[in-house]
């Protein structure tokens, strides 16, 4: 099922995403699964500067780390995002 259809009894601690959608669309889709303590971890290709510039209101990049995946020559980054404290 889709993330938007999930109705968890409480927010998740971590949401993992790989090849789901551009960051703005992904974060909007998982917003109801998150609170200020949730971390969204997304695997992306090259550092997605354009996607990061378009983050939905309230979201922030917490960390970005370049990673090398075994058997994959292409550039990859693990991004950790969270909601800004109110």
N, C-alpha and C. Protein backbone atom coordinates (compact mmCIF):
# COMPACT_ATOMS: atom_id res chain seq x y z
N UNK A 1 0.84 -1.18 0.00
CA UNK A 1 0.00 0.00 0.00
C UNK A 1 0.89 1.25 0.00
N UNK A 2 0.27 2.37 -0.12
CA UNK A 2 1.00 3.63 -0.18
C UNK A 2 1.22 4.21 1.21
N UNK A 3 2.30 4.95 1.39
CA UNK A 3 2.61 5.56 2.68
C UNK A 3 1.46 6.46 3.14
N UNK A 4 0.84 7.16 2.21
CA UNK A 4 -0.25 8.07 2.55
C UNK A 4 -1.44 7.32 3.16
N UNK A 5 -1.56 6.03 2.89
CA UNK A 5 -2.70 5.24 3.38
C UNK A 5 -2.45 4.66 4.77
N UNK A 6 -1.21 4.67 5.23
CA UNK A 6 -0.90 4.12 6.55
C UNK A 6 -1.42 5.03 7.65
N UNK A 7 -1.95 4.43 8.68
CA UNK A 7 -2.45 5.17 9.84
C UNK A 7 -1.86 4.55 11.10
N UNK A 8 -0.55 4.78 11.35
CA UNK A 8 0.07 4.16 12.52
C UNK A 8 -0.48 4.78 13.81
N UNK A 9 -0.48 4.01 14.90
CA UNK A 9 -0.97 4.54 16.18
C UNK A 9 -0.07 5.65 16.74
N UNK A 10 1.19 5.65 16.34
CA UNK A 10 2.12 6.70 16.74
C UNK A 10 3.13 6.89 15.61
N UNK A 11 3.82 8.03 15.58
CA UNK A 11 4.80 8.28 14.52
C UNK A 11 5.95 7.26 14.57
N UNK A 12 6.55 7.04 13.42
CA UNK A 12 7.71 6.17 13.33
C UNK A 12 8.96 6.90 13.81
N UNK A 13 9.94 6.14 14.30
CA UNK A 13 11.23 6.72 14.66
C UNK A 13 12.04 7.04 13.41
N UNK A 14 11.94 6.12 12.42
CA UNK A 14 12.72 6.24 11.19
C UNK A 14 11.87 5.79 10.01
N UNK A 15 11.99 6.53 8.91
CA UNK A 15 11.37 6.14 7.65
C UNK A 15 12.51 5.99 6.65
N UNK A 16 12.61 4.82 6.01
CA UNK A 16 13.64 4.56 5.00
C UNK A 16 13.02 4.62 3.61
N UNK A 17 13.73 5.23 2.68
CA UNK A 17 13.21 5.34 1.32
C UNK A 17 14.33 5.17 0.31
N UNK A 18 14.03 4.39 -0.71
CA UNK A 18 14.98 4.19 -1.80
C UNK A 18 14.22 4.21 -3.11
N UNK A 19 14.60 5.11 -4.01
CA UNK A 19 14.01 5.19 -5.34
C UNK A 19 12.50 5.34 -5.29
N UNK A 20 12.02 6.22 -4.40
CA UNK A 20 10.57 6.42 -4.27
C UNK A 20 10.11 7.58 -5.14
N UNK A 21 10.68 8.75 -4.91
CA UNK A 21 10.23 9.97 -5.59
C UNK A 21 11.24 11.07 -5.28
N UNK A 22 11.14 12.20 -5.97
CA UNK A 22 11.96 13.35 -5.58
C UNK A 22 11.67 13.71 -4.12
N UNK A 23 12.63 14.28 -3.43
CA UNK A 23 12.49 14.57 -2.00
C UNK A 23 11.22 15.33 -1.63
N UNK A 24 10.85 16.40 -2.33
CA UNK A 24 9.63 17.09 -1.92
C UNK A 24 8.40 16.17 -1.94
N UNK A 25 8.26 15.37 -2.96
CA UNK A 25 7.12 14.46 -3.05
C UNK A 25 7.20 13.37 -1.98
N UNK A 26 8.39 12.83 -1.76
CA UNK A 26 8.58 11.81 -0.74
C UNK A 26 8.21 12.34 0.64
N UNK A 27 8.71 13.52 1.00
CA UNK A 27 8.46 14.08 2.33
C UNK A 27 6.99 14.41 2.53
N UNK A 28 6.33 14.89 1.50
CA UNK A 28 4.89 15.12 1.61
C UNK A 28 4.13 13.80 1.80
N UNK A 29 4.59 12.74 1.16
CA UNK A 29 3.91 11.44 1.25
C UNK A 29 4.05 10.82 2.65
N UNK A 30 5.20 11.03 3.30
CA UNK A 30 5.43 10.38 4.60
C UNK A 30 5.14 11.30 5.78
N UNK A 31 4.72 12.51 5.54
CA UNK A 31 4.54 13.49 6.62
C UNK A 31 3.65 12.98 7.75
N UNK A 32 2.58 12.27 7.42
CA UNK A 32 1.67 11.79 8.47
C UNK A 32 2.26 10.66 9.30
N UNK A 33 3.41 10.13 8.88
CA UNK A 33 4.09 9.06 9.61
C UNK A 33 5.14 9.61 10.56
N UNK A 34 5.34 10.93 10.54
CA UNK A 34 6.48 11.54 11.23
C UNK A 34 6.05 12.53 12.30
N UNK A 35 6.97 12.73 13.24
CA UNK A 35 6.88 13.85 14.17
C UNK A 35 8.27 14.46 14.28
N UNK A 36 8.48 15.35 15.22
CA UNK A 36 9.76 16.05 15.33
C UNK A 36 10.92 15.13 15.65
N UNK A 37 10.66 13.91 16.13
CA UNK A 37 11.72 12.97 16.46
C UNK A 37 12.01 11.97 15.36
N UNK A 38 11.22 11.96 14.30
CA UNK A 38 11.39 11.01 13.20
C UNK A 38 12.52 11.46 12.29
N UNK A 39 13.28 10.50 11.82
CA UNK A 39 14.31 10.75 10.81
C UNK A 39 13.89 10.03 9.54
N UNK A 40 13.97 10.74 8.43
CA UNK A 40 13.72 10.15 7.11
C UNK A 40 15.07 9.96 6.46
N UNK A 41 15.39 8.72 6.11
CA UNK A 41 16.67 8.38 5.50
C UNK A 41 16.39 8.00 4.06
N UNK A 42 16.99 8.74 3.13
CA UNK A 42 16.74 8.52 1.71
C UNK A 42 18.04 8.27 0.97
N UNK A 43 18.06 7.23 0.17
CA UNK A 43 19.21 6.95 -0.70
C UNK A 43 18.97 7.66 -2.02
N UNK A 44 19.92 8.50 -2.40
CA UNK A 44 19.82 9.24 -3.65
C UNK A 44 21.08 9.00 -4.46
N UNK A 45 21.05 9.39 -5.71
CA UNK A 45 22.22 9.30 -6.57
C UNK A 45 23.15 10.45 -6.26
N UNK A 46 23.43 11.26 -7.27
CA UNK A 46 24.26 12.44 -7.04
C UNK A 46 23.60 13.34 -6.01
N UNK A 47 24.39 14.15 -5.34
CA UNK A 47 23.84 15.08 -4.35
C UNK A 47 22.72 15.88 -5.02
N UNK A 48 21.48 15.75 -4.56
CA UNK A 48 20.33 16.35 -5.25
C UNK A 48 20.08 17.80 -4.84
N UNK A 49 20.94 18.70 -5.26
CA UNK A 49 20.85 20.11 -4.84
C UNK A 49 19.50 20.72 -5.18
N UNK A 50 18.97 20.45 -6.37
CA UNK A 50 17.69 21.04 -6.77
C UNK A 50 16.55 20.53 -5.87
N UNK A 51 16.57 19.23 -5.55
CA UNK A 51 15.54 18.67 -4.68
C UNK A 51 15.64 19.26 -3.27
N UNK A 52 16.86 19.41 -2.78
CA UNK A 52 17.06 19.97 -1.44
C UNK A 52 16.59 21.42 -1.37
N UNK A 53 16.74 22.16 -2.46
CA UNK A 53 16.30 23.55 -2.49
C UNK A 53 14.78 23.66 -2.45
N UNK A 54 14.09 22.57 -2.77
CA UNK A 54 12.63 22.57 -2.83
C UNK A 54 11.97 21.79 -1.68
N UNK A 55 12.69 21.60 -0.58
CA UNK A 55 12.11 20.85 0.54
C UNK A 55 10.82 21.52 1.00
N UNK A 56 9.81 20.73 1.34
CA UNK A 56 8.57 21.32 1.85
C UNK A 56 8.83 22.09 3.15
N UNK A 57 7.96 23.03 3.44
CA UNK A 57 8.07 23.84 4.66
C UNK A 57 8.15 22.93 5.88
N UNK A 58 9.06 23.28 6.77
CA UNK A 58 9.20 22.55 8.02
C UNK A 58 10.27 21.47 8.00
N UNK A 59 10.72 21.07 6.82
CA UNK A 59 11.72 20.01 6.72
C UNK A 59 13.12 20.59 6.60
N UNK A 60 14.11 19.85 7.09
CA UNK A 60 15.50 20.27 6.98
C UNK A 60 16.40 19.06 6.72
N UNK A 61 17.50 19.31 6.05
CA UNK A 61 18.53 18.30 5.85
C UNK A 61 19.37 18.23 7.11
N UNK A 62 19.47 17.06 7.71
CA UNK A 62 20.26 16.88 8.93
C UNK A 62 21.67 16.40 8.62
N UNK A 63 21.79 15.55 7.59
CA UNK A 63 23.12 15.09 7.19
C UNK A 63 23.08 14.53 5.78
N UNK A 64 24.24 14.52 5.16
CA UNK A 64 24.41 13.95 3.83
C UNK A 64 25.75 13.24 3.82
N UNK A 65 25.74 12.02 3.35
CA UNK A 65 26.98 11.25 3.34
C UNK A 65 27.12 10.51 2.01
N UNK A 66 28.24 10.69 1.33
CA UNK A 66 28.53 9.94 0.11
C UNK A 66 28.86 8.51 0.51
N UNK A 67 28.31 7.56 -0.22
CA UNK A 67 28.57 6.15 0.07
C UNK A 67 28.93 5.42 -1.21
N UNK A 68 29.70 4.37 -1.08
CA UNK A 68 30.06 3.51 -2.19
C UNK A 68 29.36 2.18 -1.98
N UNK A 69 28.49 1.81 -2.90
CA UNK A 69 27.78 0.54 -2.79
C UNK A 69 28.53 -0.52 -3.57
N UNK A 70 28.70 -1.71 -3.00
CA UNK A 70 29.40 -2.78 -3.69
C UNK A 70 28.75 -3.08 -5.04
N UNK A 71 29.57 -3.12 -6.08
CA UNK A 71 29.08 -3.46 -7.41
C UNK A 71 28.39 -2.32 -8.14
N UNK A 72 28.37 -1.13 -7.54
CA UNK A 72 27.72 0.03 -8.17
C UNK A 72 28.76 1.12 -8.36
N UNK A 73 28.99 1.50 -9.60
CA UNK A 73 30.00 2.52 -9.89
C UNK A 73 29.44 3.94 -9.74
N UNK A 74 28.13 4.08 -9.81
CA UNK A 74 27.51 5.40 -9.77
C UNK A 74 27.59 6.03 -8.37
N UNK A 75 27.58 7.34 -8.37
CA UNK A 75 27.63 8.10 -7.12
C UNK A 75 26.32 7.91 -6.34
N UNK A 76 26.42 7.74 -5.02
CA UNK A 76 25.25 7.58 -4.16
C UNK A 76 25.44 8.41 -2.89
N UNK A 77 24.34 8.89 -2.36
CA UNK A 77 24.35 9.66 -1.11
C UNK A 77 23.22 9.18 -0.21
N UNK A 78 23.51 9.13 1.07
CA UNK A 78 22.48 8.85 2.06
C UNK A 78 22.16 10.18 2.74
N UNK A 79 20.90 10.59 2.60
CA UNK A 79 20.45 11.84 3.19
C UNK A 79 19.58 11.54 4.41
N UNK A 80 19.78 12.29 5.47
CA UNK A 80 18.92 12.18 6.64
C UNK A 80 18.21 13.52 6.80
N UNK A 81 16.88 13.43 6.87
CA UNK A 81 16.06 14.64 6.96
C UNK A 81 15.15 14.55 8.17
N UNK A 82 14.73 15.70 8.66
CA UNK A 82 13.81 15.73 9.79
C UNK A 82 13.00 17.00 9.78
N UNK A 83 11.98 17.01 10.60
CA UNK A 83 11.16 18.20 10.75
C UNK A 83 11.87 19.19 11.66
N UNK A 84 11.80 20.45 11.31
CA UNK A 84 12.40 21.49 12.15
C UNK A 84 11.61 21.59 13.45
N UNK A 85 12.31 21.84 14.55
CA UNK A 85 11.59 22.06 15.81
C UNK A 85 10.72 23.31 15.69
N UNK A 86 9.58 23.27 16.33
CA UNK A 86 8.65 24.43 16.24
C UNK A 86 9.01 25.49 17.24
